[in-house]
Amino acid sequence: MKREGKARARPAPGPPPAASPPNGPKPTSSSALPGANPLKDAHAALDAAVLGAYGFSPKEDLLAQLLALNLDFAARIARGDPVTAPGVPTNYSDPAKLVTEDRIKLA
């Protein structure tokens, strides 16, 4: 008996699925642990600061907000409107205060 129609493609072979730990506790990230977590708190504060700096809402889709920002700047550039480059704004009162020597120096 002959089969008619298109042959189905077989999935490409890949690595075997990861083995789950036998009867042991499942690994968890440190952010899921109960109690005080300074690193998690620092990440949350940084996330909030970045969202605020860009005027983004934490309740809206981040990628959609980034795309809208990118399209806005692309349109400004296309019109020839001035766009401030990344870094310290030229009207900042004392940019020297933002520079420190506590950094890694490359050879």
C-alpha atoms as a PDB file:
ATOM      1  CA  MET A   1       0.000   0.000   0.000  1.00  0.00           C
ATOM      2  CA  LYS A   2       1.429   3.359  -1.026  1.00  0.00           C
ATOM      3  CA  ARG A   3       0.969   6.514   1.068  1.00  0.00           C
ATOM      4  CA  GLU A   4       0.096   9.656  -0.798  1.00  0.00           C
ATOM      5  CA  GLY A   5       0.732  13.245   0.178  1.00  0.00           C
ATOM      6  CA  LYS A   6       3.724  15.082   1.533  1.00  0.00           C
ATOM      7  CA  ALA A   7       6.197  13.365   3.770  1.00  0.00           C
ATOM      8  CA  ARG A   8       6.451  14.873   7.229  1.00  0.00           C
ATOM      9  CA  ALA A   9       9.759  16.404   8.180  1.00  0.00           C
ATOM     10  CA  ARG A  10      11.411  14.856  11.191  1.00  0.00           C
ATOM     11  CA  PRO A  11      12.768  17.162  13.861  1.00  0.00           C
ATOM     12  CA  ALA A  12      16.524  17.630  13.842  1.00  0.00           C
ATOM     13  CA  PRO A  13      18.303  15.624  16.517  1.00  0.00           C
ATOM     14  CA  GLY A  14      19.333  17.727  19.472  1.00  0.00           C
ATOM     15  CA  PRO A  15      20.848  17.277  22.897  1.00  0.00           C
ATOM     16  CA  PRO A  16      19.041  14.942  25.248  1.00  0.00           C
ATOM     17  CA  PRO A  17      16.688  16.596  27.755  1.00  0.00           C
ATOM     18  CA  ALA A  18      18.305  17.675  31.007  1.00  0.00           C
ATOM     19  CA  ALA A  19      18.043  15.108  33.753  1.00  0.00           C
ATOM     20  CA  SER A  20      16.137  16.128  36.842  1.00  0.00           C
ATOM     21  CA  PRO A  21      17.820  15.609  40.195  1.00  0.00           C
ATOM     22  CA  PRO A  22      16.805  12.271  41.725  1.00  0.00           C
ATOM     23  CA  ASN A  23      14.770  12.819  44.890  1.00  0.00           C
ATOM     24  CA  GLY A  24      16.759  15.952  45.762  1.00  0.00           C
ATOM     25  CA  PRO A  25      15.595  19.491  46.155  1.00  0.00           C
ATOM     26  CA  LYS A  26      15.000  21.440  42.997  1.00  0.00           C
ATOM     27  CA  PRO A  27      17.505  24.227  42.387  1.00  0.00           C
ATOM     28  CA  THR A  28      16.138  27.706  43.088  1.00  0.00           C
ATOM     29  CA  SER A  29      17.436  31.157  42.365  1.00  0.00           C
ATOM     30  CA  SER A  30      18.554  33.253  45.287  1.00  0.00           C
ATOM     31  CA  SER A  31      15.763  35.726  44.513  1.00  0.00           C
ATOM     32  CA  ALA A  32      13.176  33.058  45.343  1.00  0.00           C
ATOM     33  CA  LEU A  33      14.551  32.472  48.833  1.00  0.00           C
ATOM     34  CA  PRO A  34      12.605  33.905  51.781  1.00  0.00           C
ATOM     35  CA  GLY A  35      13.999  36.674  53.947  1.00  0.00           C
ATOM     36  CA  ALA A  36      16.099  39.742  53.249  1.00  0.00           C
ATOM     37  CA  ASN A  37      17.930  39.713  49.955  1.00  0.00           C
ATOM     38  CA  PRO A  38      20.112  42.800  49.366  1.00  0.00           C
ATOM     39  CA  LEU A  39      20.926  41.824  45.777  1.00  0.00           C
ATOM     40  CA  LYS A  40      17.248  41.409  44.912  1.00  0.00           C
ATOM     41  CA  ASP A  41      16.501  44.766  46.554  1.00  0.00           C
ATOM     42  CA  ALA A  42      19.306  46.442  44.590  1.00  0.00           C
ATOM     43  CA  HIS A  43      17.996  44.962  41.326  1.00  0.00           C
ATOM     44  CA  ALA A  44      14.476  46.184  42.091  1.00  0.00           C
ATOM     45  CA  ALA A  45      15.767  49.690  42.879  1.00  0.00           C
ATOM     46  CA  LEU A  46      17.822  49.770  39.676  1.00  0.00           C
ATOM     47  CA  ASP A  47      14.866  48.540  37.603  1.00  0.00           C
ATOM     48  CA  ALA A  48      12.643  51.258  39.083  1.00  0.00           C
ATOM     49  CA  ALA A  49      15.287  53.950  38.474  1.00  0.00           C
ATOM     50  CA  VAL A  50      15.765  52.942  34.827  1.00  0.00           C
ATOM     51  CA  LEU A  51      12.012  52.785  34.183  1.00  0.00           C
ATOM     52  CA  GLY A  52      11.635  56.227  35.741  1.00  0.00           C
ATOM     53  CA  ALA A  53      14.555  57.693  33.781  1.00  0.00           C
ATOM     54  CA  TYR A  54      12.996  56.600  30.490  1.00  0.00           C
ATOM     55  CA  GLY A  55       9.447  57.444  31.564  1.00  0.00           C
ATOM     56  CA  PHE A  56       8.374  53.827  31.120  1.00  0.00           C
ATOM     57  CA  SER A  57       5.526  52.145  32.957  1.00  0.00           C
ATOM     58  CA  PRO A  58       6.274  48.862  34.761  1.00  0.00           C
ATOM     59  CA  LYS A  59       2.706  47.753  33.910  1.00  0.00           C
ATOM     60  CA  GLU A  60       3.191  48.028  30.145  1.00  0.00           C
ATOM     61  CA  ASP A  61       5.190  45.834  27.781  1.00  0.00           C
ATOM     62  CA  LEU A  62       8.846  46.866  28.084  1.00  0.00           C
ATOM     63  CA  LEU A  63       9.769  45.877  24.519  1.00  0.00           C
ATOM     64  CA  ALA A  64       6.850  47.866  23.107  1.00  0.00           C
ATOM     65  CA  GLN A  65       7.985  50.907  25.094  1.00  0.00           C
ATOM     66  CA  LEU A  66      11.573  50.518  23.866  1.00  0.00           C
ATOM     67  CA  LEU A  67      10.379  50.192  20.276  1.00  0.00           C
ATOM     68  CA  ALA A  68       8.244  53.329  20.595  1.00  0.00           C
ATOM     69  CA  LEU A  69      11.226  55.232  22.031  1.00  0.00           C
ATOM     70  CA  ASN A  70      13.481  53.988  19.223  1.00  0.00           C
ATOM     71  CA  LEU A  71      10.953  54.948  16.547  1.00  0.00           C
ATOM     72  CA  ASP A  72      10.533  58.388  18.122  1.00  0.00           C
ATOM     73  CA  PHE A  73      14.267  59.063  18.034  1.00  0.00           C
ATOM     74  CA  ALA A  74      14.577  57.693  14.495  1.00  0.00           C
ATOM     75  CA  ALA A  75      11.839  60.112  13.391  1.00  0.00           C
ATOM     76  CA  ARG A  76      13.559  63.037  15.153  1.00  0.00           C
ATOM     77  CA  ILE A  77      16.855  62.224  13.450  1.00  0.00           C
ATOM     78  CA  ALA A  78      15.133  61.868  10.063  1.00  0.00           C
ATOM     79  CA  ARG A  79      13.548  65.331  10.502  1.00  0.00           C
ATOM     80  CA  GLY A  80      16.888  66.815  11.489  1.00  0.00           C
ATOM     81  CA  ASP A  81      15.711  67.638  14.999  1.00  0.00           C
ATOM     82  CA  PRO A  82      18.425  67.861  17.675  1.00  0.00           C
ATOM     83  CA  VAL A  83      18.922  64.662  19.662  1.00  0.00           C
ATOM     84  CA  THR A  84      21.009  64.514  22.835  1.00  0.00           C
ATOM     85  CA  ALA A  85      23.687  61.842  22.654  1.00  0.00           C
ATOM     86  CA  PRO A  86      24.198  59.447  25.583  1.00  0.00           C
ATOM     87  CA  GLY A  87      26.294  60.748  28.421  1.00  0.00           C
ATOM     88  CA  VAL A  88      26.285  63.826  30.588  1.00  0.00           C
ATOM     89  CA  PRO A  89      24.031  66.528  29.125  1.00  0.00           C
ATOM     90  CA  THR A  90      25.919  69.630  28.012  1.00  0.00           C
ATOM     91  CA  ASN A  91      23.857  71.818  30.365  1.00  0.00           C
ATOM     92  CA  TYR A  92      24.818  69.824  33.499  1.00  0.00           C
ATOM     93  CA  SER A  93      26.238  72.276  36.051  1.00  0.00           C
ATOM     94  CA  ASP A  94      29.454  70.457  37.045  1.00  0.00           C
ATOM     95  CA  PRO A  95      30.250  67.274  35.061  1.00  0.00           C
ATOM     96  CA  ALA A  96      33.609  66.936  36.857  1.00  0.00           C
ATOM     97  CA  LYS A  97      31.701  65.884  39.999  1.00  0.00           C
ATOM     98  CA  LEU A  98      30.529  62.779  38.145  1.00  0.00           C
ATOM     99  CA  VAL A  99      34.058  61.541  37.383  1.00  0.00           C
ATOM    100  CA  THR A 100      35.881  59.467  39.971  1.00  0.00           C
ATOM    101  CA  GLU A 101      39.154  57.573  40.082  1.00  0.00           C
ATOM    102  CA  ASP A 102      37.674  54.400  41.621  1.00  0.00           C
ATOM    103  CA  ARG A 103      37.624  52.361  38.462  1.00  0.00           C
ATOM    104  CA  ILE A 104      39.557  49.545  36.882  1.00  0.00           C
ATOM    105  CA  LYS A 105      42.363  50.926  34.744  1.00  0.00           C
ATOM    106  CA  LEU A 106      43.182  48.988  31.618  1.00  0.00           C
ATOM    107  CA  ALA A 107      46.805  48.661  30.598  1.00  0.00           C
END
